[in-house]
Amino acid sequence: MNAPTIAPPDTALARCVGAGRTYGTGDRAVVAVYDATCSVGASDRVAIVGPSGSGKSTLLHLLAGLETPSAGTVTWPALGGHPRDGAHRVGLVFQAPSLIPSMTVLENVELPMLLGDTGPTEARQRARSALDLLDLDGLRGDLPQELSGGQAQRVVIARVLAARPRLILADEPTSQLDRHTADHVADVLVQVSDEIDAALVVATHDRAIGGRMTTVWPIHDGRLRPAATPSSMPQPTEGDPA
C-alpha cells in the first residue's frame, strides 16, 4: 500500500499538507483529524472509508473548504483559489437535507446555476437532464416535503451534477437508499464525473460505491492510513450500511 495520492502542487484540485482539525480547547479538545497529507488530482476517484466518528466527514469538509484546519494547510491550486470564491468549482453532496422547502424539485436543482453564470434556459435543460439520469423526472414539480428521504437525497445529487463542478465531494451519498437505488446512484456519480471530467471523492461505508473508486483512503480515529485498493475495503460491521 502507498501513501494517499500526492498530486504535483500546481495540478491538485485540493491538497492537504499536515492538515488537522481540533474542536474545543484544553481538556475538552477533540481531535477529529490528525496530520492528514493527501491530494486530489483531476479525474481521481477516491473513497474515504472508516467507521462512524473516524473523521471521514471532517476530512471531506476540509477538502471542501467548509472547515478551517487547526494545523497544517489545505489549498486548491488547480482551482485558482478557495472553493467559495468561484461558482461551481466544488460540488457538495451532504448527508443532511439541504433543499429549499418553498421551491420545487426542478427549481432546487436549477438554483445554484442561476446564482452563478448559467443562463435560465441552459440551467433548466441541465437540471432536467440530471433529474432524468436519477429517475426523478416525474417529481420535477414536487416540493421537498412531498419526497421520501431517498428521493430528497437523489435530488441533492442531481443538483450537484447539473452544476458540473471540477471536484465532487459526497458524504455518504447512498446511506438513505435501498440497494438497487444505491447501485444506480453510484453508477450515475461515476458516469457523470467521467463525462464532465470531474474528480470524485466519496466518504462512505458502502462497499458497492467504494468498489467503483480507484483508490481507497482508510481513516481510523482521525488518522489517515496508507492508501489501498477497493478490493481491500473492510467488510461492513453490524449496524453499518452494506
C-alpha atoms as a PDB file:
ATOM      1  CA  MET A   1       0.000   0.000   0.000  1.00  0.00           C
ATOM      2  CA  ASN A   2       1.104   3.537  -0.730  1.00  0.00           C
ATOM      3  CA  ALA A   3       0.584   6.889   0.939  1.00  0.00           C
ATOM      4  CA  PRO A   4      -2.557   8.782  -0.123  1.00  0.00           C
ATOM      5  CA  THR A   5      -2.087  10.358  -3.528  1.00  0.00           C
ATOM      6  CA  ILE A   6       0.034  13.498  -3.681  1.00  0.00           C
ATOM      7  CA  ALA A   7      -0.537  15.247  -6.994  1.00  0.00           C
ATOM      8  CA  PRO A   8       2.055  17.765  -8.235  1.00  0.00           C
ATOM      9  CA  PRO A   9       1.478  21.031  -6.334  1.00  0.00           C
ATOM     10  CA  ASP A  10       0.123  23.019  -9.269  1.00  0.00           C
ATOM     11  CA  THR A  11      -2.229  20.282 -10.557  1.00  0.00           C
ATOM     12  CA  ALA A  12      -4.032  19.327  -7.334  1.00  0.00           C
ATOM     13  CA  LEU A  13      -7.690  20.311  -7.142  1.00  0.00           C
ATOM     14  CA  ALA A  14      -7.423  20.006  -3.356  1.00  0.00           C
ATOM     15  CA  ARG A  15      -4.279  19.449  -1.310  1.00  0.00           C
ATOM     16  CA  CYS A  16      -3.805  18.816   2.432  1.00  0.00           C
ATOM     17  CA  VAL A  17      -0.352  19.042   3.991  1.00  0.00           C
ATOM     18  CA  GLY A  18      -0.223  18.058   7.656  1.00  0.00           C
ATOM     19  CA  ALA A  19      -3.836  19.199   7.995  1.00  0.00           C
ATOM     20  CA  GLY A  20      -5.548  18.658  11.319  1.00  0.00           C
ATOM     21  CA  ARG A  21      -8.853  19.731  12.829  1.00  0.00           C
ATOM     22  CA  THR A  22      -9.465  20.099  16.553  1.00  0.00           C
ATOM     23  CA  TYR A  23     -12.720  21.171  18.181  1.00  0.00           C
ATOM     24  CA  GLY A  24     -12.623  22.874  21.552  1.00  0.00           C
ATOM     25  CA  THR A  25      -9.621  23.642  23.758  1.00  0.00           C
ATOM     26  CA  GLY A  26      -7.849  22.300  26.810  1.00  0.00           C
ATOM     27  CA  ASP A  27      -9.343  19.244  28.479  1.00  0.00           C
ATOM     28  CA  ARG A  28     -12.367  19.448  26.194  1.00  0.00           C
ATOM     29  CA  ALA A  29     -10.397  19.427  22.952  1.00  0.00           C
ATOM     30  CA  VAL A  30     -11.430  16.731  20.496  1.00  0.00           C
ATOM     31  CA  VAL A  31      -9.134  15.974  17.569  1.00  0.00           C
ATOM     32  CA  ALA A  32     -11.253  14.931  14.572  1.00  0.00           C
ATOM     33  CA  VAL A  33      -8.396  14.697  12.037  1.00  0.00           C
ATOM     34  CA  TYR A  34      -4.657  14.373  12.706  1.00  0.00           C
ATOM     35  CA  ASP A  35      -1.866  15.462  10.377  1.00  0.00           C
ATOM     36  CA  ALA A  36      -3.501  14.479   7.055  1.00  0.00           C
ATOM     37  CA  THR A  37      -1.385  14.785   3.915  1.00  0.00           C
ATOM     38  CA  CYS A  38      -3.163  13.930   0.668  1.00  0.00           C
ATOM     39  CA  SER A  39      -4.342  15.491  -2.559  1.00  0.00           C
ATOM     40  CA  VAL A  40      -6.984  15.068  -5.234  1.00  0.00           C
ATOM     41  CA  GLY A  41      -5.964  15.387  -8.866  1.00  0.00           C
ATOM     42  CA  ALA A  42      -8.094  15.791 -11.969  1.00  0.00           C
ATOM     43  CA  SER A  43     -10.265  12.734 -12.676  1.00  0.00           C
ATOM     44  CA  ASP A  44      -9.294  10.988  -9.406  1.00  0.00           C
ATOM     45  CA  ARG A  45     -11.835   8.559  -7.908  1.00  0.00           C
ATOM     46  CA  VAL A  46     -11.360   8.265  -4.145  1.00  0.00           C
ATOM     47  CA  ALA A  47     -13.343   6.558  -1.380  1.00  0.00           C
ATOM     48  CA  ILE A  48     -12.698   7.729   2.190  1.00  0.00           C
ATOM     49  CA  VAL A  49     -13.688   4.800   4.395  1.00  0.00           C
ATOM     50  CA  GLY A  50     -13.853   4.217   8.111  1.00  0.00           C
ATOM     51  CA  PRO A  51     -16.317   3.636  10.962  1.00  0.00           C
ATOM     52  CA  SER A  52     -18.682   6.298  12.247  1.00  0.00           C
ATOM     53  CA  GLY A  53     -16.755   9.011  14.090  1.00  0.00           C
ATOM     54  CA  SER A  54     -13.465   8.178  12.373  1.00  0.00           C
ATOM     55  CA  GLY A  55     -13.062  11.616  10.761  1.00  0.00           C
ATOM     56  CA  LYS A  56     -14.405  10.894   7.246  1.00  0.00           C
ATOM     57  CA  SER A  57     -16.799  13.835   7.143  1.00  0.00           C
ATOM     58  CA  THR A  58     -14.318  16.228   8.738  1.00  0.00           C
ATOM     59  CA  LEU A  59     -11.640  15.367   6.166  1.00  0.00           C
ATOM     60  CA  LEU A  60     -14.211  15.819   3.395  1.00  0.00           C
ATOM     61  CA  HIS A  61     -15.165  19.220   4.830  1.00  0.00           C
ATOM     62  CA  LEU A  62     -11.501  20.253   4.960  1.00  0.00           C
ATOM     63  CA  LEU A  63     -11.137  19.338   1.271  1.00  0.00           C
ATOM     64  CA  ALA A  64     -14.294  21.357   0.532  1.00  0.00           C
ATOM     65  CA  GLY A  65     -13.108  24.444   2.409  1.00  0.00           C
ATOM     66  CA  LEU A  66     -16.043  24.213   4.834  1.00  0.00           C
ATOM     67  CA  GLU A  67     -13.688  23.665   7.763  1.00  0.00           C
ATOM     68  CA  THR A  68     -10.529  25.645   8.532  1.00  0.00           C
ATOM     69  CA  PRO A  69      -7.613  23.423   9.574  1.00  0.00           C
ATOM     70  CA  SER A  70      -6.364  23.853  13.130  1.00  0.00           C
ATOM     71  CA  ALA A  71      -2.926  22.730  11.933  1.00  0.00           C
ATOM     72  CA  GLY A  72      -1.261  22.394   8.558  1.00  0.00           C
ATOM     73  CA  THR A  73      -2.711  23.702   5.315  1.00  0.00           C
ATOM     74  CA  VAL A  74      -5.417  22.987   2.765  1.00  0.00           C
ATOM     75  CA  THR A  75      -5.082  24.589  -0.670  1.00  0.00           C
ATOM     76  CA  TRP A  76      -6.765  24.320  -4.076  1.00  0.00           C
ATOM     77  CA  PRO A  77      -4.003  25.113  -6.607  1.00  0.00           C
ATOM     78  CA  ALA A  78      -5.737  23.955  -9.791  1.00  0.00           C
ATOM     79  CA  LEU A  79      -8.992  25.681  -8.825  1.00  0.00           C
ATOM     80  CA  GLY A  80      -7.296  29.050  -8.648  1.00  0.00           C
ATOM     81  CA  GLY A  81      -8.337  29.811  -5.082  1.00  0.00           C
ATOM     82  CA  HIS A  82     -10.698  28.888  -2.272  1.00  0.00           C
ATOM     83  CA  PRO A  83     -13.806  26.960  -3.431  1.00  0.00           C
ATOM     84  CA  ARG A  84     -16.232  29.545  -2.070  1.00  0.00           C
ATOM     85  CA  ASP A  85     -14.613  32.243  -4.232  1.00  0.00           C
ATOM     86  CA  GLY A  86     -15.703  30.667  -7.533  1.00  0.00           C
ATOM     87  CA  ALA A  87     -19.028  29.306  -8.738  1.00  0.00           C
ATOM     88  CA  HIS A  88     -19.286  25.554  -9.319  1.00  0.00           C
ATOM     89  CA  ARG A  89     -15.647  24.740  -8.630  1.00  0.00           C
ATOM     90  CA  VAL A  90     -16.648  22.202  -5.988  1.00  0.00           C
ATOM     91  CA  GLY A  91     -19.940  20.330  -5.708  1.00  0.00           C
ATOM     92  CA  LEU A  92     -21.013  19.035  -2.289  1.00  0.00           C
ATOM     93  CA  VAL A  93     -23.456  16.232  -1.524  1.00  0.00           C
ATOM     94  CA  PHE A  94     -24.351  16.495   2.169  1.00  0.00           C
ATOM     95  CA  GLN A  95     -25.855  13.827   4.414  1.00  0.00           C
ATOM     96  CA  ALA A  96     -28.305  16.289   5.954  1.00  0.00           C
ATOM     97  CA  PRO A  97     -31.295  17.600   3.966  1.00  0.00           C
ATOM     98  CA  SER A  98     -30.349  20.784   2.117  1.00  0.00           C
ATOM     99  CA  LEU A  99     -33.287  21.511  -0.208  1.00  0.00           C
ATOM    100  CA  ILE A 100     -35.231  24.779  -0.012  1.00  0.00           C
ATOM    101  CA  PRO A 101     -38.754  23.855   1.178  1.00  0.00           C
ATOM    102  CA  SER A 102     -40.604  26.524  -0.823  1.00  0.00           C
ATOM    103  CA  MET A 103     -39.056  25.576  -4.163  1.00  0.00           C
ATOM    104  CA  THR A 104     -39.948  22.661  -6.418  1.00  0.00           C
ATOM    105  CA  VAL A 105     -37.511  19.872  -7.155  1.00  0.00           C
ATOM    106  CA  LEU A 106     -36.670  21.404 -10.549  1.00  0.00           C
ATOM    107  CA  GLU A 107     -36.195  24.871  -9.041  1.00  0.00           C
ATOM    108  CA  ASN A 108     -33.921  23.470  -6.311  1.00  0.00           C
ATOM    109  CA  VAL A 109     -31.686  21.855  -8.922  1.00  0.00           C
ATOM    110  CA  GLU A 110     -31.625  24.989 -11.095  1.00  0.00           C
ATOM    111  CA  LEU A 111     -30.902  27.478  -8.307  1.00  0.00           C
ATOM    112  CA  PRO A 112     -27.102  27.123  -7.872  1.00  0.00           C
ATOM    113  CA  MET A 113     -26.616  27.500 -11.630  1.00  0.00           C
ATOM    114  CA  LEU A 114     -28.857  30.573 -11.779  1.00  0.00           C
ATOM    115  CA  LEU A 115     -26.903  32.130  -8.909  1.00  0.00           C
ATOM    116  CA  GLY A 116     -23.744  31.551 -10.934  1.00  0.00           C
ATOM    117  CA  ASP A 117     -23.216  32.420 -14.566  1.00  0.00           C
ATOM    118  CA  THR A 118     -25.575  29.910 -16.228  1.00  0.00           C
ATOM    119  CA  GLY A 119     -28.474  31.308 -18.244  1.00  0.00           C
ATOM    120  CA  PRO A 120     -32.043  30.215 -17.357  1.00  0.00           C
ATOM    121  CA  THR A 121     -32.594  28.115 -20.492  1.00  0.00           C
ATOM    122  CA  GLU A 122     -29.356  26.156 -20.069  1.00  0.00           C
ATOM    123  CA  ALA A 123     -29.926  25.815 -16.316  1.00  0.00           C
ATOM    124  CA  ARG A 124     -33.359  24.280 -16.900  1.00  0.00           C
ATOM    125  CA  GLN A 125     -32.044  21.886 -19.545  1.00  0.00           C
ATOM    126  CA  ARG A 126     -29.185  20.733 -17.341  1.00  0.00           C
ATOM    127  CA  ALA A 127     -31.466  20.375 -14.316  1.00  0.00           C
ATOM    128  CA  ARG A 128     -33.924  18.241 -16.255  1.00  0.00           C
ATOM    129  CA  SER A 129     -31.154  16.044 -17.655  1.00  0.00           C
ATOM    130  CA  ALA A 130     -29.694  15.445 -14.190  1.00  0.00           C
ATOM    131  CA  LEU A 131     -33.111  14.586 -12.744  1.00  0.00           C
ATOM    132  CA  ASP A 132     -33.769  12.195 -15.629  1.00  0.00           C
ATOM    133  CA  LEU A 133     -30.457  10.411 -15.003  1.00  0.00           C
ATOM    134  CA  LEU A 134     -31.509   9.766 -11.412  1.00  0.00           C
ATOM    135  CA  ASP A 135     -35.044   8.627 -12.349  1.00  0.00           C
ATOM    136  CA  LEU A 136     -36.615  11.756 -10.836  1.00  0.00           C
ATOM    137  CA  ASP A 137     -38.227  13.219 -13.959  1.00  0.00           C
ATOM    138  CA  GLY A 138     -41.726  12.565 -12.565  1.00  0.00           C
ATOM    139  CA  LEU A 139     -41.001  14.608  -9.428  1.00  0.00           C
ATOM    140  CA  ARG A 140     -39.891  17.878 -11.040  1.00  0.00           C
ATOM    141  CA  GLY A 141     -42.917  19.828  -9.758  1.00  0.00           C
ATOM    142  CA  ASP A 142     -42.958  18.319  -6.256  1.00  0.00           C
ATOM    143  CA  LEU A 143     -41.926  20.200  -3.129  1.00  0.00           C
ATOM    144  CA  PRO A 144     -39.250  18.742  -0.814  1.00  0.00           C
ATOM    145  CA  GLN A 145     -41.788  17.813   1.874  1.00  0.00           C
ATOM    146  CA  GLU A 146     -43.525  15.541  -0.629  1.00  0.00           C
ATOM    147  CA  LEU A 147     -40.378  13.463  -1.150  1.00  0.00           C
ATOM    148  CA  SER A 148     -39.065  10.451   0.715  1.00  0.00           C
ATOM    149  CA  GLY A 149     -35.652  10.714   2.327  1.00  0.00           C
ATOM    150  CA  GLY A 150     -34.103   8.715  -0.501  1.00  0.00           C
ATOM    151  CA  GLN A 151     -35.754  10.842  -3.178  1.00  0.00           C
ATOM    152  CA  ALA A 152     -34.555  14.044  -1.497  1.00  0.00           C
ATOM    153  CA  GLN A 153     -31.005  12.678  -1.392  1.00  0.00           C
ATOM    154  CA  ARG A 154     -31.124  11.932  -5.114  1.00  0.00           C
ATOM    155  CA  VAL A 155     -32.354  15.486  -5.817  1.00  0.00           C
ATOM    156  CA  VAL A 156     -29.341  16.841  -3.901  1.00  0.00           C
ATOM    157  CA  ILE A 157     -27.063  14.677  -6.045  1.00  0.00           C
ATOM    158  CA  ALA A 158     -28.819  15.876  -9.223  1.00  0.00           C
ATOM    159  CA  ARG A 159     -28.287  19.492  -8.131  1.00  0.00           C
ATOM    160  CA  VAL A 160     -24.543  18.913  -7.773  1.00  0.00           C
ATOM    161  CA  LEU A 161     -24.165  17.018 -11.047  1.00  0.00           C
ATOM    162  CA  ALA A 162     -26.151  19.597 -13.039  1.00  0.00           C
ATOM    163  CA  ALA A 163     -23.737  22.351 -11.975  1.00  0.00           C
ATOM    164  CA  ARG A 164     -20.788  20.418 -13.489  1.00  0.00           C
ATOM    165  CA  PRO A 165     -18.143  21.154 -10.833  1.00  0.00           C
ATOM    166  CA  ARG A 166     -14.496  20.193 -11.252  1.00  0.00           C
ATOM    167  CA  LEU A 167     -14.454  18.387  -7.907  1.00  0.00           C
ATOM    168  CA  ILE A 168     -17.400  16.425  -6.474  1.00  0.00           C
ATOM    169  CA  LEU A 169     -17.332  15.652  -2.740  1.00  0.00           C
ATOM    170  CA  ALA A 170     -20.071  13.357  -1.436  1.00  0.00           C
ATOM    171  CA  ASP A 171     -20.719  12.474   2.207  1.00  0.00           C
ATOM    172  CA  GLU A 172     -22.434   9.056   2.473  1.00  0.00           C
ATOM    173  CA  PRO A 173     -24.489   9.690  -0.694  1.00  0.00           C
ATOM    174  CA  THR A 174     -26.152   6.246  -0.644  1.00  0.00           C
ATOM    175  CA  SER A 175     -26.847   5.918   3.092  1.00  0.00           C
ATOM    176  CA  GLN A 176     -30.596   6.543   2.761  1.00  0.00           C
ATOM    177  CA  LEU A 177     -31.108   4.440  -0.346  1.00  0.00           C
ATOM    178  CA  ASP A 178     -32.120   0.829  -0.920  1.00  0.00           C
ATOM    179  CA  ARG A 179     -29.528  -1.437  -2.523  1.00  0.00           C
ATOM    180  CA  HIS A 180     -30.876  -1.187  -6.083  1.00  0.00           C
ATOM    181  CA  THR A 181     -31.177   2.612  -5.972  1.00  0.00           C
ATOM    182  CA  ALA A 182     -27.787   2.968  -4.267  1.00  0.00           C
ATOM    183  CA  ASP A 183     -26.147   0.974  -7.053  1.00  0.00           C
ATOM    184  CA  HIS A 184     -27.834   3.164  -9.678  1.00  0.00           C
ATOM    185  CA  VAL A 185     -26.772   6.381  -7.913  1.00  0.00           C
ATOM    186  CA  ALA A 186     -23.187   5.105  -7.649  1.00  0.00           C
ATOM    187  CA  ASP A 187     -23.197   4.364 -11.382  1.00  0.00           C
ATOM    188  CA  VAL A 188     -24.540   7.855 -12.164  1.00  0.00           C
ATOM    189  CA  LEU A 189     -21.975   9.592  -9.943  1.00  0.00           C
ATOM    190  CA  VAL A 190     -19.108   7.843 -11.726  1.00  0.00           C
ATOM    191  CA  GLN A 191     -20.682   8.210 -15.197  1.00  0.00           C
ATOM    192  CA  VAL A 192     -21.300  11.940 -14.883  1.00  0.00           C
ATOM    193  CA  SER A 193     -17.908  12.541 -13.267  1.00  0.00           C
ATOM    194  CA  ASP A 194     -16.355  10.854 -16.300  1.00  0.00           C
ATOM    195  CA  GLU A 195     -18.458  12.900 -18.714  1.00  0.00           C
ATOM    196  CA  ILE A 196     -17.605  16.277 -17.164  1.00  0.00           C
ATOM    197  CA  ASP A 197     -14.017  15.253 -16.270  1.00  0.00           C
ATOM    198  CA  ALA A 198     -14.555  15.938 -12.571  1.00  0.00           C
ATOM    199  CA  ALA A 199     -12.691  14.352  -9.690  1.00  0.00           C
ATOM    200  CA  LEU A 200     -14.900  12.391  -7.278  1.00  0.00           C
ATOM    201  CA  VAL A 201     -14.274  11.855  -3.562  1.00  0.00           C
ATOM    202  CA  VAL A 202     -16.840   9.902  -1.553  1.00  0.00           C
ATOM    203  CA  ALA A 203     -16.929   9.357   2.207  1.00  0.00           C
ATOM    204  CA  THR A 204     -18.755   6.062   2.614  1.00  0.00           C
ATOM    205  CA  HIS A 205     -19.391   2.836   4.498  1.00  0.00           C
ATOM    206  CA  ASP A 206     -20.805   1.304   1.320  1.00  0.00           C
ATOM    207  CA  ARG A 207     -18.583  -1.320  -0.311  1.00  0.00           C
ATOM    208  CA  ALA A 208     -20.595  -1.078  -3.542  1.00  0.00           C
ATOM    209  CA  ILE A 209     -19.810   2.602  -4.105  1.00  0.00           C
ATOM    210  CA  GLY A 210     -16.294   2.257  -2.683  1.00  0.00           C
ATOM    211  CA  GLY A 211     -15.652  -0.518  -5.170  1.00  0.00           C
ATOM    212  CA  ARG A 212     -16.343   1.870  -8.046  1.00  0.00           C
ATOM    213  CA  MET A 213     -13.495   4.152  -6.977  1.00  0.00           C
ATOM    214  CA  THR A 214      -9.882   3.544  -7.996  1.00  0.00           C
ATOM    215  CA  THR A 215      -8.325   4.460  -4.634  1.00  0.00           C
ATOM    216  CA  VAL A 216      -9.385   3.973  -1.020  1.00  0.00           C
ATOM    217  CA  TRP A 217      -8.223   6.224   1.832  1.00  0.00           C
ATOM    218  CA  PRO A 218      -8.876   4.382   5.118  1.00  0.00           C
ATOM    219  CA  ILE A 219      -9.242   6.636   8.153  1.00  0.00           C
ATOM    220  CA  HIS A 220      -9.407   5.498  11.781  1.00  0.00           C
ATOM    221  CA  ASP A 221      -9.546   7.634  14.931  1.00  0.00           C
ATOM    222  CA  GLY A 222      -8.851  10.711  12.805  1.00  0.00           C
ATOM    223  CA  ARG A 223      -5.682   9.298  11.269  1.00  0.00           C
ATOM    224  CA  LEU A 224      -5.448   8.821   7.518  1.00  0.00           C
ATOM    225  CA  ARG A 225      -3.961   5.396   6.779  1.00  0.00           C
ATOM    226  CA  PRO A 226      -1.953   4.223   3.748  1.00  0.00           C
ATOM    227  CA  ALA A 227      -3.983   4.199   0.551  1.00  0.00           C
ATOM    228  CA  ALA A 228      -5.454   0.892  -0.591  1.00  0.00           C
ATOM    229  CA  THR A 229      -7.365  -0.625  -3.484  1.00  0.00           C
ATOM    230  CA  PRO A 230     -11.169  -1.026  -3.422  1.00  0.00           C
ATOM    231  CA  SER A 231     -10.850  -4.807  -3.013  1.00  0.00           C
ATOM    232  CA  SER A 232      -9.277  -4.264   0.399  1.00  0.00           C
ATOM    233  CA  MET A 233     -12.197  -2.259   1.803  1.00  0.00           C
ATOM    234  CA  PRO A 234     -13.270  -3.727   5.145  1.00  0.00           C
ATOM    235  CA  GLN A 235     -16.468  -5.730   5.361  1.00  0.00           C
ATOM    236  CA  PRO A 236     -19.292  -3.716   6.931  1.00  0.00           C
ATOM    237  CA  THR A 237     -19.816  -4.308  10.629  1.00  0.00           C
ATOM    238  CA  GLU A 238     -23.214  -4.869  12.182  1.00  0.00           C
ATOM    239  CA  GLY A 239     -25.212  -1.644  12.028  1.00  0.00           C
ATOM    240  CA  ASP A 240     -23.247  -0.179   9.136  1.00  0.00           C
ATOM    241  CA  PRO A 241     -24.858   0.149   5.715  1.00  0.00           C
ATOM    242  CA  ALA A 242     -23.972  -2.665   3.343  1.00  0.00           C
END
